[in-house]
Amino acid sequence: MRRPLSGALLGLILGLAVAVILQQLGIWPLDRLTVFLLPAMVGLLGILLTSLGREGSTGTLVVALVITLPLAVWGALGLLGFGEQGQLNGGCTVNAASDLDATTVTDTSRADPFRIDPAGGLTWVATSPSVFDDYKWKIWTEIGGFQYPLASEENQNNDGGSQINEGDVSNVTEYATARDIPLDEIRGAIIVGGDAAGTCDGFAFVSIDGDPFETLVSQIALAVAILALIALLLVAFMGRGASAAAGGVTTAATGPGTPADGPTATGAGTAAGLAAAEDERDRGQELIDDIERAAEDSGFGADDED
């Protein structure tokens, strides 16, 4: 029996768990490709495994496709930005250095993010085209193409200020935690962006390095991935064995050796053929008799006797 909806849902869960694992390991951020396209492709594979070679209603198959295909299309749009780099608009610049790396925002990419040691130091120098007075800044992270705020603050700057902002911290995690950013549970590849005074905005690709499966998030993702994979395989292959057994019973019941297709049917066909041949013989004899009567009526028979 088909179980495409179960295959689709388990595939989506498995794909999303794998996406989180890839992010936590610093391999790829949680963008459209991993949050939507990857789970959708695994979901379609789950539909195939739980439907191929099976009988059943197409209703659940349609529902499963309606769930997975839009996710795949939305995720595939992320391919348009596959090779993009960090951006910074409004005339601002940002240079940063950590214990592991040094870069500018516009030099970062998915393949080459700015690496940061969460227990190490960080320095930065940011410049703006003009002095910002009484401005608000915010920092966000991107997940699946959507922005989620991390921190924001309003700065009172009525003393002229400067166009340069510099910073030097000895422990990145402590600095972030003091600003309500839970960096102790953030690892791997992320997309970080921000806005200042409504003038400067941009984003960069960053990798918070750490031990594999160090965070609770990564551990949960690993457990979910293993359970979803086991469940998907059970649904796919145990159900297939039952379908094969049912198919064997059906074949045995209606196979070529049954009375419906066996000697009885063949004998019936032979009898019908013999009856048809006998009818043809009778019609031929009747035709011969008619010819003889016609000859006698015309006098051919009398001449022969003389």
C-alpha atoms as a PDB file:
ATOM      1  CA  MET A   1       0.000   0.000   0.000  1.00  0.00           C
ATOM      2  CA  ARG A   2       1.236   3.480  -0.844  1.00  0.00           C
ATOM      3  CA  ARG A   3       2.289   5.712   2.037  1.00  0.00           C
ATOM      4  CA  PRO A   4       3.561   8.833   0.243  1.00  0.00           C
ATOM      5  CA  LEU A   5       2.451  11.259   2.934  1.00  0.00           C
ATOM      6  CA  SER A   6       4.472   9.419   5.577  1.00  0.00           C
ATOM      7  CA  GLY A   7       7.433   9.317   3.210  1.00  0.00           C
ATOM      8  CA  ALA A   8       7.167  13.040   2.507  1.00  0.00           C
ATOM      9  CA  LEU A   9       6.902  14.083   6.163  1.00  0.00           C
ATOM     10  CA  LEU A  10       9.724  11.827   7.317  1.00  0.00           C
ATOM     11  CA  GLY A  11      11.862  13.023   4.413  1.00  0.00           C
ATOM     12  CA  LEU A  12      11.230  16.667   5.302  1.00  0.00           C
ATOM     13  CA  ILE A  13      12.166  16.043   8.935  1.00  0.00           C
ATOM     14  CA  LEU A  14      15.298  14.147   7.921  1.00  0.00           C
ATOM     15  CA  GLY A  15      16.341  16.829   5.429  1.00  0.00           C
ATOM     16  CA  LEU A  16      15.847  19.645   7.927  1.00  0.00           C
ATOM     17  CA  ALA A  17      17.840  17.783  10.591  1.00  0.00           C
ATOM     18  CA  VAL A  18      20.671  17.243   8.102  1.00  0.00           C
ATOM     19  CA  ALA A  19      20.552  20.963   7.241  1.00  0.00           C
ATOM     20  CA  VAL A  20      21.013  21.883  10.910  1.00  0.00           C
ATOM     21  CA  ILE A  21      23.908  19.436  11.213  1.00  0.00           C
ATOM     22  CA  LEU A  22      25.610  20.938   8.151  1.00  0.00           C
ATOM     23  CA  GLN A  23      25.156  24.410   9.632  1.00  0.00           C
ATOM     24  CA  GLN A  24      26.456  23.450  13.060  1.00  0.00           C
ATOM     25  CA  LEU A  25      29.534  21.857  11.502  1.00  0.00           C
ATOM     26  CA  GLY A  26      30.261  25.078   9.620  1.00  0.00           C
ATOM     27  CA  ILE A  27      29.714  23.511   6.199  1.00  0.00           C
ATOM     28  CA  TRP A  28      26.767  25.598   4.992  1.00  0.00           C
ATOM     29  CA  PRO A  29      24.462  28.231   6.533  1.00  0.00           C
ATOM     30  CA  LEU A  30      20.729  27.822   6.971  1.00  0.00           C
ATOM     31  CA  ASP A  31      19.723  29.543   3.746  1.00  0.00           C
ATOM     32  CA  ARG A  32      16.988  28.640   1.268  1.00  0.00           C
ATOM     33  CA  LEU A  33      19.025  25.804  -0.173  1.00  0.00           C
ATOM     34  CA  THR A  34      19.353  23.899   3.087  1.00  0.00           C
ATOM     35  CA  VAL A  35      16.143  24.958   4.867  1.00  0.00           C
ATOM     36  CA  PHE A  36      13.772  24.385   1.933  1.00  0.00           C
ATOM     37  CA  LEU A  37      15.397  22.758  -1.100  1.00  0.00           C
ATOM     38  CA  LEU A  38      17.306  20.019   0.749  1.00  0.00           C
ATOM     39  CA  PRO A  39      14.330  18.866   2.887  1.00  0.00           C
ATOM     40  CA  ALA A  40      12.032  19.008  -0.149  1.00  0.00           C
ATOM     41  CA  MET A  41      14.362  16.815  -2.203  1.00  0.00           C
ATOM     42  CA  VAL A  42      14.643  14.284   0.621  1.00  0.00           C
ATOM     43  CA  GLY A  43      10.854  14.450   0.970  1.00  0.00           C
ATOM     44  CA  LEU A  44      10.412  13.666  -2.733  1.00  0.00           C
ATOM     45  CA  LEU A  45      12.802  10.751  -2.315  1.00  0.00           C
ATOM     46  CA  GLY A  46      10.671   9.561   0.613  1.00  0.00           C
ATOM     47  CA  ILE A  47       7.563   9.737  -1.592  1.00  0.00           C
ATOM     48  CA  LEU A  48       9.320   7.651  -4.232  1.00  0.00           C
ATOM     49  CA  LEU A  49      10.469   5.014  -1.743  1.00  0.00           C
ATOM     50  CA  THR A  50       7.020   4.635  -0.206  1.00  0.00           C
ATOM     51  CA  SER A  51       5.034   4.680  -3.475  1.00  0.00           C
ATOM     52  CA  LEU A  52       7.033   2.998  -6.239  1.00  0.00           C
ATOM     53  CA  GLY A  53       5.638  -0.379  -7.211  1.00  0.00           C
ATOM     54  CA  ARG A  54       2.676  -0.155  -4.845  1.00  0.00           C
ATOM     55  CA  GLU A  55      -1.067   0.087  -5.251  1.00  0.00           C
ATOM     56  CA  GLY A  56      -3.244   2.628  -3.542  1.00  0.00           C
ATOM     57  CA  SER A  57      -5.203   5.825  -3.826  1.00  0.00           C
ATOM     58  CA  THR A  58      -3.593   8.803  -5.535  1.00  0.00           C
ATOM     59  CA  GLY A  59      -5.188  11.217  -3.065  1.00  0.00           C
ATOM     60  CA  THR A  60      -2.419  11.038  -0.472  1.00  0.00           C
ATOM     61  CA  LEU A  61       0.165  11.132  -3.259  1.00  0.00           C
ATOM     62  CA  VAL A  62      -1.268  14.434  -4.483  1.00  0.00           C
ATOM     63  CA  VAL A  63      -1.277  15.856  -0.948  1.00  0.00           C
ATOM     64  CA  ALA A  64       2.351  14.820  -0.443  1.00  0.00           C
ATOM     65  CA  LEU A  65       3.386  16.488  -3.707  1.00  0.00           C
ATOM     66  CA  VAL A  66       1.443  19.647  -2.838  1.00  0.00           C
ATOM     67  CA  ILE A  67       3.451  19.860   0.394  1.00  0.00           C
ATOM     68  CA  THR A  68       6.905  19.184  -1.039  1.00  0.00           C
ATOM     69  CA  LEU A  69       6.933  20.796  -4.492  1.00  0.00           C
ATOM     70  CA  PRO A  70       6.295  24.421  -3.359  1.00  0.00           C
ATOM     71  CA  LEU A  71       9.095  24.056  -0.796  1.00  0.00           C
ATOM     72  CA  ALA A  72      11.404  22.802  -3.535  1.00  0.00           C
ATOM     73  CA  VAL A  73      10.543  25.738  -5.804  1.00  0.00           C
ATOM     74  CA  TRP A  74      11.071  28.304  -3.048  1.00  0.00           C
ATOM     75  CA  GLY A  75      14.340  26.683  -2.061  1.00  0.00           C
ATOM     76  CA  ALA A  76      15.537  26.492  -5.655  1.00  0.00           C
ATOM     77  CA  LEU A  77      15.323  30.288  -5.852  1.00  0.00           C
ATOM     78  CA  GLY A  78      18.293  30.295  -3.482  1.00  0.00           C
ATOM     79  CA  LEU A  79      20.435  29.074  -6.371  1.00  0.00           C
ATOM     80  CA  LEU A  80      20.296  32.622  -7.728  1.00  0.00           C
ATOM     81  CA  GLY A  81      22.521  33.758  -4.843  1.00  0.00           C
ATOM     82  CA  PHE A  82      24.692  30.663  -4.723  1.00  0.00           C
ATOM     83  CA  GLY A  83      27.970  32.496  -5.311  1.00  0.00           C
ATOM     84  CA  GLU A  84      27.130  35.809  -3.656  1.00  0.00           C
ATOM     85  CA  GLN A  85      29.493  37.569  -1.256  1.00  0.00           C
ATOM     86  CA  GLY A  86      28.920  39.788   1.743  1.00  0.00           C
ATOM     87  CA  GLN A  87      27.393  43.181   1.051  1.00  0.00           C
ATOM     88  CA  LEU A  88      27.710  46.622   2.611  1.00  0.00           C
ATOM     89  CA  ASN A  89      25.646  49.565   1.381  1.00  0.00           C
ATOM     90  CA  GLY A  90      25.395  53.230   2.211  1.00  0.00           C
ATOM     91  CA  GLY A  91      29.076  54.140   2.035  1.00  0.00           C
ATOM     92  CA  CYS A  92      30.093  52.303   5.218  1.00  0.00           C
ATOM     93  CA  THR A  93      33.048  49.958   5.646  1.00  0.00           C
ATOM     94  CA  VAL A  94      33.769  47.223   8.191  1.00  0.00           C
ATOM     95  CA  ASN A  95      37.064  45.428   8.768  1.00  0.00           C
ATOM     96  CA  ALA A  96      37.360  42.708  11.400  1.00  0.00           C
ATOM     97  CA  ALA A  97      39.974  40.349  12.787  1.00  0.00           C
ATOM     98  CA  SER A  98      39.658  37.353  15.110  1.00  0.00           C
ATOM     99  CA  ASP A  99      42.136  34.916  16.586  1.00  0.00           C
ATOM    100  CA  LEU A 100      41.517  32.755  13.502  1.00  0.00           C
ATOM    101  CA  ASP A 101      40.911  35.096  10.595  1.00  0.00           C
ATOM    102  CA  ALA A 102      40.853  38.660   9.261  1.00  0.00           C
ATOM    103  CA  THR A 103      38.566  40.053   6.573  1.00  0.00           C
ATOM    104  CA  THR A 104      36.268  42.759   5.301  1.00  0.00           C
ATOM    105  CA  VAL A 105      32.531  42.228   5.055  1.00  0.00           C
ATOM    106  CA  THR A 106      32.485  42.214   1.266  1.00  0.00           C
ATOM    107  CA  ASP A 107      35.161  39.495   1.048  1.00  0.00           C
ATOM    108  CA  THR A 108      33.130  36.883   2.901  1.00  0.00           C
ATOM    109  CA  SER A 109      31.135  34.159   1.150  1.00  0.00           C
ATOM    110  CA  ARG A 110      29.476  30.814   1.857  1.00  0.00           C
ATOM    111  CA  ALA A 111      32.621  29.023   0.759  1.00  0.00           C
ATOM    112  CA  ASP A 112      34.931  31.405   2.651  1.00  0.00           C
ATOM    113  CA  PRO A 113      33.222  32.786   5.773  1.00  0.00           C
ATOM    114  CA  PHE A 114      34.876  34.911   8.425  1.00  0.00           C
ATOM    115  CA  ARG A 115      35.990  32.432  11.094  1.00  0.00           C
ATOM    116  CA  ILE A 116      35.609  33.309  14.771  1.00  0.00           C
ATOM    117  CA  ASP A 117      36.733  31.443  17.884  1.00  0.00           C
ATOM    118  CA  PRO A 118      33.840  31.802  20.362  1.00  0.00           C
ATOM    119  CA  ALA A 119      36.291  31.780  23.281  1.00  0.00           C
ATOM    120  CA  GLY A 120      38.778  34.044  21.523  1.00  0.00           C
ATOM    121  CA  GLY A 121      39.114  37.753  20.811  1.00  0.00           C
ATOM    122  CA  LEU A 122      37.694  40.039  18.135  1.00  0.00           C
ATOM    123  CA  THR A 123      38.605  43.502  16.867  1.00  0.00           C
ATOM    124  CA  TRP A 124      36.832  45.655  14.308  1.00  0.00           C
ATOM    125  CA  VAL A 125      36.944  49.057  12.654  1.00  0.00           C
ATOM    126  CA  ALA A 126      33.785  50.479  11.056  1.00  0.00           C
ATOM    127  CA  THR A 127      33.435  53.771   9.234  1.00  0.00           C
ATOM    128  CA  SER A 128      30.385  55.726   8.083  1.00  0.00           C
ATOM    129  CA  PRO A 129      30.023  58.479   5.471  1.00  0.00           C
ATOM    130  CA  SER A 130      28.755  60.907   8.117  1.00  0.00           C
ATOM    131  CA  VAL A 131      28.263  61.201  11.872  1.00  0.00           C
ATOM    132  CA  PHE A 132      25.096  59.444  13.074  1.00  0.00           C
ATOM    133  CA  ASP A 133      23.128  61.470  15.639  1.00  0.00           C
ATOM    134  CA  ASP A 134      20.599  59.715  17.874  1.00  0.00           C
ATOM    135  CA  TYR A 135      20.506  56.619  15.742  1.00  0.00           C
ATOM    136  CA  LYS A 136      19.349  53.037  16.127  1.00  0.00           C
ATOM    137  CA  TRP A 137      21.272  49.949  15.077  1.00  0.00           C
ATOM    138  CA  LYS A 138      20.180  46.340  14.836  1.00  0.00           C
ATOM    139  CA  ILE A 139      21.778  42.967  14.124  1.00  0.00           C
ATOM    140  CA  TRP A 140      19.979  40.041  12.576  1.00  0.00           C
ATOM    141  CA  THR A 141      20.632  36.546  11.268  1.00  0.00           C
ATOM    142  CA  GLU A 142      19.126  34.960   8.198  1.00  0.00           C
ATOM    143  CA  ILE A 143      17.402  31.564   8.234  1.00  0.00           C
ATOM    144  CA  GLY A 144      15.784  30.242   5.089  1.00  0.00           C
ATOM    145  CA  GLY A 145      15.831  33.656   3.435  1.00  0.00           C
ATOM    146  CA  PHE A 146      14.094  35.393   6.359  1.00  0.00           C
ATOM    147  CA  GLN A 147      15.670  37.765   8.856  1.00  0.00           C
ATOM    148  CA  TYR A 148      15.482  37.136  12.607  1.00  0.00           C
ATOM    149  CA  PRO A 149      16.648  39.893  14.995  1.00  0.00           C
ATOM    150  CA  LEU A 150      19.513  39.199  17.382  1.00  0.00           C
ATOM    151  CA  ALA A 151      20.017  42.577  19.032  1.00  0.00           C
ATOM    152  CA  SER A 152      19.135  46.247  18.660  1.00  0.00           C
ATOM    153  CA  GLU A 153      19.897  49.461  20.520  1.00  0.00           C
ATOM    154  CA  GLU A 154      19.356  53.204  20.337  1.00  0.00           C
ATOM    155  CA  ASN A 155      22.425  55.410  20.671  1.00  0.00           C
ATOM    156  CA  GLN A 156      22.280  58.993  21.909  1.00  0.00           C
ATOM    157  CA  ASN A 157      25.001  60.877  20.080  1.00  0.00           C
ATOM    158  CA  ASN A 158      24.568  64.612  20.519  1.00  0.00           C
ATOM    159  CA  ASP A 159      28.213  65.561  21.009  1.00  0.00           C
ATOM    160  CA  GLY A 160      29.379  65.500  17.440  1.00  0.00           C
ATOM    161  CA  GLY A 161      30.768  61.974  17.681  1.00  0.00           C
ATOM    162  CA  SER A 162      32.932  60.334  15.083  1.00  0.00           C
ATOM    163  CA  GLN A 163      32.609  58.567  11.787  1.00  0.00           C
ATOM    164  CA  ILE A 164      34.749  55.719  13.097  1.00  0.00           C
ATOM    165  CA  ASN A 165      33.635  52.946  15.430  1.00  0.00           C
ATOM    166  CA  GLU A 166      36.281  50.634  16.840  1.00  0.00           C
ATOM    167  CA  GLY A 167      36.112  47.656  19.154  1.00  0.00           C
ATOM    168  CA  ASP A 168      38.417  45.159  20.811  1.00  0.00           C
ATOM    169  CA  VAL A 169      37.074  42.330  22.978  1.00  0.00           C
ATOM    170  CA  SER A 170      38.989  39.457  24.540  1.00  0.00           C
ATOM    171  CA  ASN A 171      36.115  36.947  24.640  1.00  0.00           C
ATOM    172  CA  VAL A 172      33.488  36.986  21.912  1.00  0.00           C
ATOM    173  CA  THR A 173      30.958  34.853  23.788  1.00  0.00           C
ATOM    174  CA  GLU A 174      31.040  37.007  26.923  1.00  0.00           C
ATOM    175  CA  TYR A 175      30.688  40.164  24.833  1.00  0.00           C
ATOM    176  CA  ALA A 176      27.697  38.728  22.930  1.00  0.00           C
ATOM    177  CA  THR A 177      25.986  37.315  26.031  1.00  0.00           C
ATOM    178  CA  ALA A 178      26.149  40.713  27.717  1.00  0.00           C
ATOM    179  CA  ARG A 179      24.077  42.010  24.787  1.00  0.00           C
ATOM    180  CA  ASP A 180      21.539  39.164  24.999  1.00  0.00           C
ATOM    181  CA  ILE A 181      22.964  37.299  22.013  1.00  0.00           C
ATOM    182  CA  PRO A 182      23.102  33.545  22.943  1.00  0.00           C
ATOM    183  CA  LEU A 183      26.441  32.875  21.275  1.00  0.00           C
ATOM    184  CA  ASP A 184      27.109  29.968  23.629  1.00  0.00           C
ATOM    185  CA  GLU A 185      24.480  27.989  21.679  1.00  0.00           C
ATOM    186  CA  ILE A 186      25.379  29.366  18.243  1.00  0.00           C
ATOM    187  CA  ARG A 187      27.944  27.442  16.248  1.00  0.00           C
ATOM    188  CA  GLY A 188      28.733  26.843  12.620  1.00  0.00           C
ATOM    189  CA  ALA A 189      28.043  28.833   9.478  1.00  0.00           C
ATOM    190  CA  ILE A 190      25.634  31.738   9.809  1.00  0.00           C
ATOM    191  CA  ILE A 191      24.601  34.811   7.850  1.00  0.00           C
ATOM    192  CA  VAL A 192      24.783  37.938   9.984  1.00  0.00           C
ATOM    193  CA  GLY A 193      23.508  41.335   8.895  1.00  0.00           C
ATOM    194  CA  GLY A 194      22.782  44.710  10.344  1.00  0.00           C
ATOM    195  CA  ASP A 195      21.517  48.233   9.857  1.00  0.00           C
ATOM    196  CA  ALA A 196      22.640  51.539  11.329  1.00  0.00           C
ATOM    197  CA  ALA A 197      20.685  54.789  11.267  1.00  0.00           C
ATOM    198  CA  GLY A 198      18.749  53.593   8.253  1.00  0.00           C
ATOM    199  CA  THR A 199      21.769  54.546   6.152  1.00  0.00           C
ATOM    200  CA  CYS A 200      24.235  51.678   6.244  1.00  0.00           C
ATOM    201  CA  ASP A 201      23.133  48.074   5.906  1.00  0.00           C
ATOM    202  CA  GLY A 202      24.630  44.783   4.791  1.00  0.00           C
ATOM    203  CA  PHE A 203      25.465  41.224   5.724  1.00  0.00           C
ATOM    204  CA  ALA A 204      28.423  38.873   5.992  1.00  0.00           C
ATOM    205  CA  PHE A 205      29.051  35.146   6.097  1.00  0.00           C
ATOM    206  CA  VAL A 206      30.503  34.068   9.448  1.00  0.00           C
ATOM    207  CA  SER A 207      31.578  30.742  10.925  1.00  0.00           C
ATOM    208  CA  ILE A 208      31.569  30.309  14.702  1.00  0.00           C
ATOM    209  CA  ASP A 209      34.050  27.462  15.085  1.00  0.00           C
ATOM    210  CA  GLY A 210      33.604  24.787  17.719  1.00  0.00           C
ATOM    211  CA  ASP A 211      33.769  21.097  18.457  1.00  0.00           C
ATOM    212  CA  PRO A 212      31.444  18.838  16.424  1.00  0.00           C
ATOM    213  CA  PHE A 213      28.081  18.350  18.139  1.00  0.00           C
ATOM    214  CA  GLU A 214      29.132  20.641  20.971  1.00  0.00           C
ATOM    215  CA  THR A 215      25.788  22.398  21.278  1.00  0.00           C
ATOM    216  CA  LEU A 216      22.405  21.042  22.349  1.00  0.00           C
ATOM    217  CA  VAL A 217      20.960  22.063  18.975  1.00  0.00           C
ATOM    218  CA  SER A 218      23.425  19.872  17.074  1.00  0.00           C
ATOM    219  CA  GLN A 219      22.840  16.924  19.404  1.00  0.00           C
ATOM    220  CA  ILE A 220      19.070  17.130  18.974  1.00  0.00           C
ATOM    221  CA  ALA A 221      19.474  17.436  15.198  1.00  0.00           C
ATOM    222  CA  LEU A 222      21.652  14.321  15.103  1.00  0.00           C
ATOM    223  CA  ALA A 223      19.153  12.304  17.159  1.00  0.00           C
ATOM    224  CA  VAL A 224      16.223  13.463  15.014  1.00  0.00           C
ATOM    225  CA  ALA A 225      18.119  12.632  11.809  1.00  0.00           C
ATOM    226  CA  ILE A 226      18.869   9.083  12.982  1.00  0.00           C
ATOM    227  CA  LEU A 227      15.282   8.436  14.121  1.00  0.00           C
ATOM    228  CA  ALA A 228      13.768   9.916  10.952  1.00  0.00           C
ATOM    229  CA  LEU A 229      16.078   7.833   8.750  1.00  0.00           C
ATOM    230  CA  ILE A 230      15.210   4.612  10.590  1.00  0.00           C
ATOM    231  CA  ALA A 231      11.484   5.387  10.414  1.00  0.00           C
ATOM    232  CA  LEU A 232      11.670   6.210   6.703  1.00  0.00           C
ATOM    233  CA  LEU A 233      13.488   2.962   5.920  1.00  0.00           C
ATOM    234  CA  LEU A 234      10.980   0.957   7.938  1.00  0.00           C
ATOM    235  CA  VAL A 235       8.017   2.534   6.176  1.00  0.00           C
ATOM    236  CA  ALA A 236       9.650   2.119   2.783  1.00  0.00           C
ATOM    237  CA  PHE A 237      10.935  -1.444   2.920  1.00  0.00           C
ATOM    238  CA  MET A 238       8.661  -3.186   5.421  1.00  0.00           C
ATOM    239  CA  GLY A 239       5.637  -1.932   3.542  1.00  0.00           C
ATOM    240  CA  ARG A 240       7.206  -3.035   0.281  1.00  0.00           C
ATOM    241  CA  GLY A 241       7.620  -6.588   1.618  1.00  0.00           C
ATOM    242  CA  ALA A 242       3.952  -6.707   2.574  1.00  0.00           C
ATOM    243  CA  SER A 243       2.944  -5.435  -0.876  1.00  0.00           C
ATOM    244  CA  ALA A 244       5.118  -8.061  -2.548  1.00  0.00           C
ATOM    245  CA  ALA A 245       3.517 -10.794  -0.444  1.00  0.00           C
ATOM    246  CA  ALA A 246       0.050  -9.540  -1.354  1.00  0.00           C
ATOM    247  CA  GLY A 247       1.055  -9.471  -4.999  1.00  0.00           C
ATOM    248  CA  GLY A 248       2.251 -13.083  -4.760  1.00  0.00           C
ATOM    249  CA  VAL A 249      -1.073 -14.193  -3.306  1.00  0.00           C
ATOM    250  CA  THR A 250      -2.956 -12.388  -6.085  1.00  0.00           C
ATOM    251  CA  THR A 251      -0.787 -14.014  -8.745  1.00  0.00           C
ATOM    252  CA  ALA A 252      -1.290 -17.427  -7.203  1.00  0.00           C
ATOM    253  CA  ALA A 253      -5.040 -16.859  -7.169  1.00  0.00           C
ATOM    254  CA  THR A 254      -5.348 -15.657 -10.770  1.00  0.00           C
ATOM    255  CA  GLY A 255      -2.268 -17.191 -12.422  1.00  0.00           C
ATOM    256  CA  PRO A 256      -2.113 -19.231 -15.614  1.00  0.00           C
ATOM    257  CA  GLY A 257      -2.735 -22.512 -13.796  1.00  0.00           C
ATOM    258  CA  THR A 258      -6.224 -21.607 -12.528  1.00  0.00           C
ATOM    259  CA  PRO A 259      -9.433 -23.073 -14.006  1.00  0.00           C
ATOM    260  CA  ALA A 260     -10.238 -19.647 -15.527  1.00  0.00           C
ATOM    261  CA  ASP A 261      -7.243 -19.820 -17.835  1.00  0.00           C
ATOM    262  CA  GLY A 262      -6.422 -23.530 -17.801  1.00  0.00           C
ATOM    263  CA  PRO A 263      -7.595 -26.698 -19.541  1.00  0.00           C
ATOM    264  CA  THR A 264     -11.273 -25.977 -19.017  1.00  0.00           C
ATOM    265  CA  ALA A 265     -11.013 -22.711 -20.906  1.00  0.00           C
ATOM    266  CA  THR A 266      -8.982 -24.456 -23.636  1.00  0.00           C
ATOM    267  CA  GLY A 267     -11.523 -27.259 -23.969  1.00  0.00           C
ATOM    268  CA  ALA A 268     -14.341 -24.746 -24.243  1.00  0.00           C
ATOM    269  CA  GLY A 269     -12.492 -23.001 -27.030  1.00  0.00           C
ATOM    270  CA  THR A 270     -11.945 -26.314 -28.914  1.00  0.00           C
ATOM    271  CA  ALA A 271     -15.621 -27.266 -28.675  1.00  0.00           C
ATOM    272  CA  ALA A 272     -16.633 -23.892 -30.033  1.00  0.00           C
ATOM    273  CA  GLY A 273     -14.259 -24.373 -32.969  1.00  0.00           C
ATOM    274  CA  LEU A 274     -15.656 -27.810 -33.802  1.00  0.00           C
ATOM    275  CA  ALA A 275     -19.195 -26.479 -33.737  1.00  0.00           C
ATOM    276  CA  ALA A 276     -18.271 -23.695 -36.116  1.00  0.00           C
ATOM    277  CA  ALA A 277     -16.603 -26.184 -38.506  1.00  0.00           C
ATOM    278  CA  GLU A 278     -19.700 -28.386 -38.467  1.00  0.00           C
ATOM    279  CA  ASP A 279     -21.890 -25.395 -39.319  1.00  0.00           C
ATOM    280  CA  GLU A 280     -19.643 -24.572 -42.275  1.00  0.00           C
ATOM    281  CA  ARG A 281     -19.856 -28.191 -43.509  1.00  0.00           C
ATOM    282  CA  ASP A 282     -23.661 -28.171 -43.313  1.00  0.00           C
ATOM    283  CA  ARG A 283     -23.858 -24.919 -45.256  1.00  0.00           C
ATOM    284  CA  GLY A 284     -21.548 -26.415 -47.920  1.00  0.00           C
ATOM    285  CA  GLN A 285     -23.695 -29.540 -48.265  1.00  0.00           C
ATOM    286  CA  GLU A 286     -26.809 -27.410 -48.623  1.00  0.00           C
ATOM    287  CA  LEU A 287     -25.106 -25.456 -51.427  1.00  0.00           C
ATOM    288  CA  ILE A 288     -24.228 -28.723 -53.277  1.00  0.00           C
ATOM    289  CA  ASP A 289     -27.808 -29.959 -52.969  1.00  0.00           C
ATOM    290  CA  ASP A 290     -29.120 -26.701 -54.385  1.00  0.00           C
ATOM    291  CA  ILE A 291     -26.793 -26.994 -57.398  1.00  0.00           C
ATOM    292  CA  GLU A 292     -27.919 -30.578 -58.120  1.00  0.00           C
ATOM    293  CA  ARG A 293     -31.590 -29.639 -57.957  1.00  0.00           C
ATOM    294  CA  ALA A 294     -30.990 -26.760 -60.316  1.00  0.00           C
ATOM    295  CA  ALA A 295     -29.260 -29.086 -62.809  1.00  0.00           C
ATOM    296  CA  GLU A 296     -32.133 -31.580 -62.722  1.00  0.00           C
ATOM    297  CA  ASP A 297     -34.700 -28.853 -63.318  1.00  0.00           C
ATOM    298  CA  SER A 298     -32.791 -27.661 -66.393  1.00  0.00           C
ATOM    299  CA  GLY A 299     -32.783 -31.131 -68.051  1.00  0.00           C
ATOM    300  CA  PHE A 300     -29.120 -31.931 -67.685  1.00  0.00           C
ATOM    301  CA  GLY A 301     -29.957 -34.963 -65.614  1.00  0.00           C
ATOM    302  CA  ALA A 302     -32.284 -36.521 -68.357  1.00  0.00           C
ATOM    303  CA  ASP A 303     -29.683 -36.217 -71.097  1.00  0.00           C
ATOM    304  CA  ASP A 304     -27.190 -38.070 -69.034  1.00  0.00           C
ATOM    305  CA  GLU A 305     -29.604 -40.993 -68.579  1.00  0.00           C
ATOM    306  CA  ASP A 306     -30.093 -41.292 -72.364  1.00  0.00           C
END
